[in-house]
Amino acid sequence: MARQDRHGRLVERAAADPAHEEAATAEAAHLVRQAVAALPADQRRVVELRYFRGLSYREVAVAEGIPDGTAKSRVANP
């Protein structure tokens, strides 16, 4: 129980600290950019269109000139 109490206090403190939250968000964004950049070009393009531009799988498929299933598999199996 003591561990849960300590964790609760740490989470509350972190949530109350906007600078900490901003730093954590910036670090997470950096890690995501690195991971996406490491993908092969065809997979990277589909991930960028799907998640960063908000296109549906169908819209991604049309934009890339690939079947819907290929668009889905490139996102699911990077």
N, C-alpha and C. Protein backbone atom coordinates (compact mmCIF):
# COMPACT_ATOMS: atom_id res chain seq x y z
N MET A 1 0.82 -1.20 0.00
CA MET A 1 0.00 0.00 0.00
C MET A 1 0.86 1.26 0.00
N ALA A 2 1.98 1.22 0.67
CA ALA A 2 2.85 2.39 0.72
C ALA A 2 3.35 2.75 -0.67
N ARG A 3 3.66 1.73 -1.49
CA ARG A 3 4.13 1.99 -2.84
C ARG A 3 3.05 2.70 -3.66
N GLN A 4 1.81 2.27 -3.51
CA GLN A 4 0.71 2.92 -4.22
C GLN A 4 0.54 4.37 -3.77
N ASP A 5 0.71 4.61 -2.48
CA ASP A 5 0.61 5.98 -1.96
C ASP A 5 1.71 6.86 -2.54
N ARG A 6 2.94 6.34 -2.57
CA ARG A 6 4.05 7.11 -3.14
C ARG A 6 3.80 7.39 -4.62
N HIS A 7 3.35 6.36 -5.33
CA HIS A 7 3.06 6.54 -6.74
C HIS A 7 1.99 7.60 -6.95
N GLY A 8 0.95 7.55 -6.15
CA GLY A 8 -0.13 8.54 -6.24
C GLY A 8 0.37 9.94 -6.02
N ARG A 9 1.24 10.12 -5.05
CA ARG A 9 1.80 11.46 -4.78
C ARG A 9 2.67 11.92 -5.93
N LEU A 10 3.46 11.02 -6.50
CA LEU A 10 4.33 11.38 -7.62
C LEU A 10 3.51 11.77 -8.84
N VAL A 11 2.47 11.01 -9.11
CA VAL A 11 1.62 11.30 -10.26
C VAL A 11 0.93 12.65 -10.07
N GLU A 12 0.43 12.90 -8.87
CA GLU A 12 -0.23 14.18 -8.60
C GLU A 12 0.75 15.33 -8.77
N ARG A 13 1.97 15.17 -8.27
CA ARG A 13 2.97 16.21 -8.37
C ARG A 13 3.34 16.47 -9.84
N ALA A 14 3.52 15.39 -10.59
CA ALA A 14 3.88 15.53 -12.00
C ALA A 14 2.75 16.21 -12.77
N ALA A 15 1.51 15.85 -12.47
CA ALA A 15 0.36 16.44 -13.17
C ALA A 15 0.21 17.92 -12.82
N ALA A 16 0.62 18.29 -11.61
CA ALA A 16 0.50 19.67 -11.18
C ALA A 16 1.63 20.54 -11.72
N ASP A 17 2.65 19.94 -12.32
CA ASP A 17 3.81 20.68 -12.81
C ASP A 17 3.75 20.79 -14.33
N PRO A 18 3.27 21.93 -14.85
CA PRO A 18 3.14 22.08 -16.31
C PRO A 18 4.48 21.93 -17.04
N ALA A 19 5.57 22.36 -16.43
CA ALA A 19 6.88 22.24 -17.08
C ALA A 19 7.24 20.76 -17.24
N HIS A 20 6.96 19.96 -16.24
CA HIS A 20 7.24 18.53 -16.32
C HIS A 20 6.39 17.89 -17.41
N GLU A 21 5.13 18.25 -17.44
CA GLU A 21 4.21 17.71 -18.46
C GLU A 21 4.66 18.11 -19.87
N GLU A 22 5.08 19.34 -20.02
CA GLU A 22 5.54 19.82 -21.33
C GLU A 22 6.81 19.08 -21.75
N ALA A 23 7.72 18.86 -20.82
CA ALA A 23 8.96 18.14 -21.13
C ALA A 23 8.66 16.69 -21.51
N ALA A 24 7.75 16.06 -20.79
CA ALA A 24 7.39 14.68 -21.11
C ALA A 24 6.72 14.59 -22.47
N THR A 25 5.88 15.55 -22.80
CA THR A 25 5.22 15.57 -24.10
C THR A 25 6.24 15.78 -25.22
N ALA A 26 7.18 16.67 -25.01
CA ALA A 26 8.22 16.93 -26.02
C ALA A 26 9.08 15.69 -26.22
N GLU A 27 9.42 15.01 -25.15
CA GLU A 27 10.23 13.79 -25.25
C GLU A 27 9.47 12.70 -25.99
N ALA A 28 8.19 12.54 -25.70
CA ALA A 28 7.38 11.53 -26.39
C ALA A 28 7.29 11.86 -27.87
N ALA A 29 7.10 13.12 -28.21
CA ALA A 29 7.02 13.52 -29.62
C ALA A 29 8.34 13.23 -30.34
N HIS A 30 9.44 13.49 -29.66
CA HIS A 30 10.76 13.21 -30.24
C HIS A 30 10.93 11.72 -30.51
N LEU A 31 10.53 10.89 -29.57
CA LEU A 31 10.64 9.44 -29.74
C LEU A 31 9.77 8.94 -30.89
N VAL A 32 8.58 9.49 -31.01
CA VAL A 32 7.69 9.10 -32.11
C VAL A 32 8.29 9.50 -33.45
N ARG A 33 8.81 10.73 -33.53
CA ARG A 33 9.45 11.17 -34.78
C ARG A 33 10.62 10.27 -35.16
N GLN A 34 11.42 9.88 -34.18
CA GLN A 34 12.55 8.98 -34.44
C GLN A 34 12.07 7.62 -34.96
N ALA A 35 11.05 7.09 -34.32
CA ALA A 35 10.54 5.77 -34.71
C ALA A 35 9.96 5.82 -36.13
N VAL A 36 9.21 6.85 -36.43
CA VAL A 36 8.62 6.97 -37.77
C VAL A 36 9.73 7.16 -38.81
N ALA A 37 10.73 7.95 -38.50
CA ALA A 37 11.83 8.19 -39.43
C ALA A 37 12.61 6.91 -39.73
N ALA A 38 12.61 5.97 -38.80
CA ALA A 38 13.35 4.72 -38.99
C ALA A 38 12.61 3.71 -39.87
N LEU A 39 11.33 3.97 -40.16
CA LEU A 39 10.56 3.05 -41.00
C LEU A 39 11.02 3.12 -42.45
N PRO A 40 10.86 2.03 -43.19
CA PRO A 40 11.10 2.10 -44.63
C PRO A 40 10.16 3.14 -45.25
N ALA A 41 10.58 3.74 -46.34
CA ALA A 41 9.85 4.86 -46.95
C ALA A 41 8.38 4.56 -47.22
N ASP A 42 8.06 3.37 -47.76
CA ASP A 42 6.66 3.06 -48.09
C ASP A 42 5.81 2.96 -46.83
N GLN A 43 6.36 2.39 -45.78
CA GLN A 43 5.61 2.31 -44.52
C GLN A 43 5.52 3.67 -43.85
N ARG A 44 6.61 4.42 -43.88
CA ARG A 44 6.62 5.74 -43.26
C ARG A 44 5.55 6.64 -43.88
N ARG A 45 5.43 6.62 -45.19
CA ARG A 45 4.46 7.47 -45.88
C ARG A 45 3.03 7.12 -45.46
N VAL A 46 2.73 5.83 -45.37
CA VAL A 46 1.39 5.40 -44.97
C VAL A 46 1.10 5.81 -43.53
N VAL A 47 2.06 5.61 -42.64
CA VAL A 47 1.88 6.00 -41.23
C VAL A 47 1.67 7.51 -41.13
N GLU A 48 2.47 8.28 -41.84
CA GLU A 48 2.31 9.73 -41.80
C GLU A 48 0.94 10.17 -42.30
N LEU A 49 0.49 9.59 -43.40
CA LEU A 49 -0.82 9.95 -43.93
C LEU A 49 -1.94 9.55 -42.98
N ARG A 50 -1.84 8.36 -42.42
CA ARG A 50 -2.90 7.84 -41.56
C ARG A 50 -2.97 8.58 -40.23
N TYR A 51 -1.85 8.73 -39.55
CA TYR A 51 -1.88 9.26 -38.19
C TYR A 51 -1.59 10.76 -38.08
N PHE A 52 -0.75 11.28 -38.95
CA PHE A 52 -0.43 12.70 -38.82
C PHE A 52 -1.33 13.58 -39.67
N ARG A 53 -1.84 13.03 -40.77
CA ARG A 53 -2.74 13.80 -41.62
C ARG A 53 -4.19 13.39 -41.43
N GLY A 54 -4.44 12.28 -40.72
CA GLY A 54 -5.79 11.87 -40.37
C GLY A 54 -6.58 11.22 -41.49
N LEU A 55 -5.91 10.72 -42.53
CA LEU A 55 -6.61 10.08 -43.63
C LEU A 55 -7.10 8.70 -43.22
N SER A 56 -8.22 8.29 -43.80
CA SER A 56 -8.72 6.94 -43.58
C SER A 56 -7.83 5.97 -44.35
N TYR A 57 -7.97 4.68 -44.06
CA TYR A 57 -7.20 3.69 -44.82
C TYR A 57 -7.51 3.79 -46.31
N ARG A 58 -8.76 3.99 -46.64
CA ARG A 58 -9.17 4.10 -48.03
C ARG A 58 -8.51 5.32 -48.69
N GLU A 59 -8.52 6.45 -47.99
CA GLU A 59 -7.90 7.66 -48.52
C GLU A 59 -6.39 7.48 -48.70
N VAL A 60 -5.76 6.79 -47.74
CA VAL A 60 -4.34 6.50 -47.86
C VAL A 60 -4.08 5.64 -49.09
N ALA A 61 -4.91 4.61 -49.25
CA ALA A 61 -4.75 3.70 -50.39
C ALA A 61 -4.85 4.46 -51.71
N VAL A 62 -5.84 5.33 -51.82
CA VAL A 62 -6.02 6.11 -53.04
C VAL A 62 -4.83 7.04 -53.25
N ALA A 63 -4.39 7.72 -52.20
CA ALA A 63 -3.28 8.67 -52.31
C ALA A 63 -1.99 7.98 -52.73
N GLU A 64 -1.80 6.75 -52.26
CA GLU A 64 -0.57 6.02 -52.55
C GLU A 64 -0.70 5.10 -53.75
N GLY A 65 -1.92 4.93 -54.26
CA GLY A 65 -2.13 4.04 -55.40
C GLY A 65 -1.91 2.58 -55.05
N ILE A 66 -2.34 2.21 -53.85
CA ILE A 66 -2.17 0.84 -53.37
C ILE A 66 -3.52 0.29 -52.92
N PRO A 67 -3.67 -1.04 -52.84
CA PRO A 67 -4.92 -1.60 -52.32
C PRO A 67 -5.14 -1.23 -50.85
N ASP A 68 -6.42 -1.21 -50.45
CA ASP A 68 -6.76 -0.91 -49.05
C ASP A 68 -6.02 -1.83 -48.08
N GLY A 69 -6.00 -3.11 -48.39
CA GLY A 69 -5.35 -4.07 -47.52
C GLY A 69 -3.86 -3.81 -47.35
N THR A 70 -3.22 -3.33 -48.39
CA THR A 70 -1.79 -3.00 -48.31
C THR A 70 -1.59 -1.80 -47.38
N ALA A 71 -2.46 -0.82 -47.49
CA ALA A 71 -2.37 0.34 -46.60
C ALA A 71 -2.52 -0.11 -45.15
N LYS A 72 -3.48 -0.96 -44.88
CA LYS A 72 -3.69 -1.45 -43.52
C LYS A 72 -2.50 -2.24 -43.02
N SER A 73 -1.96 -3.11 -43.86
CA SER A 73 -0.84 -3.95 -43.40
C SER A 73 0.42 -3.13 -43.19
N ARG A 74 0.61 -2.09 -43.95
CA ARG A 74 1.79 -1.25 -43.75
C ARG A 74 1.73 -0.49 -42.43
N VAL A 75 0.52 -0.18 -41.99
CA VAL A 75 0.37 0.48 -40.69
C VAL A 75 0.48 -0.55 -39.57
N ALA A 76 -0.11 -1.70 -39.77
CA ALA A 76 -0.16 -2.73 -38.72
C ALA A 76 1.16 -3.44 -38.53
N ASN A 77 2.00 -3.49 -39.57
CA ASN A 77 3.24 -4.26 -39.50
C ASN A 77 4.45 -3.43 -39.88
N PRO A 78 4.66 -2.33 -39.19
CA PRO A 78 5.82 -1.49 -39.55
C PRO A 78 7.15 -2.10 -39.18
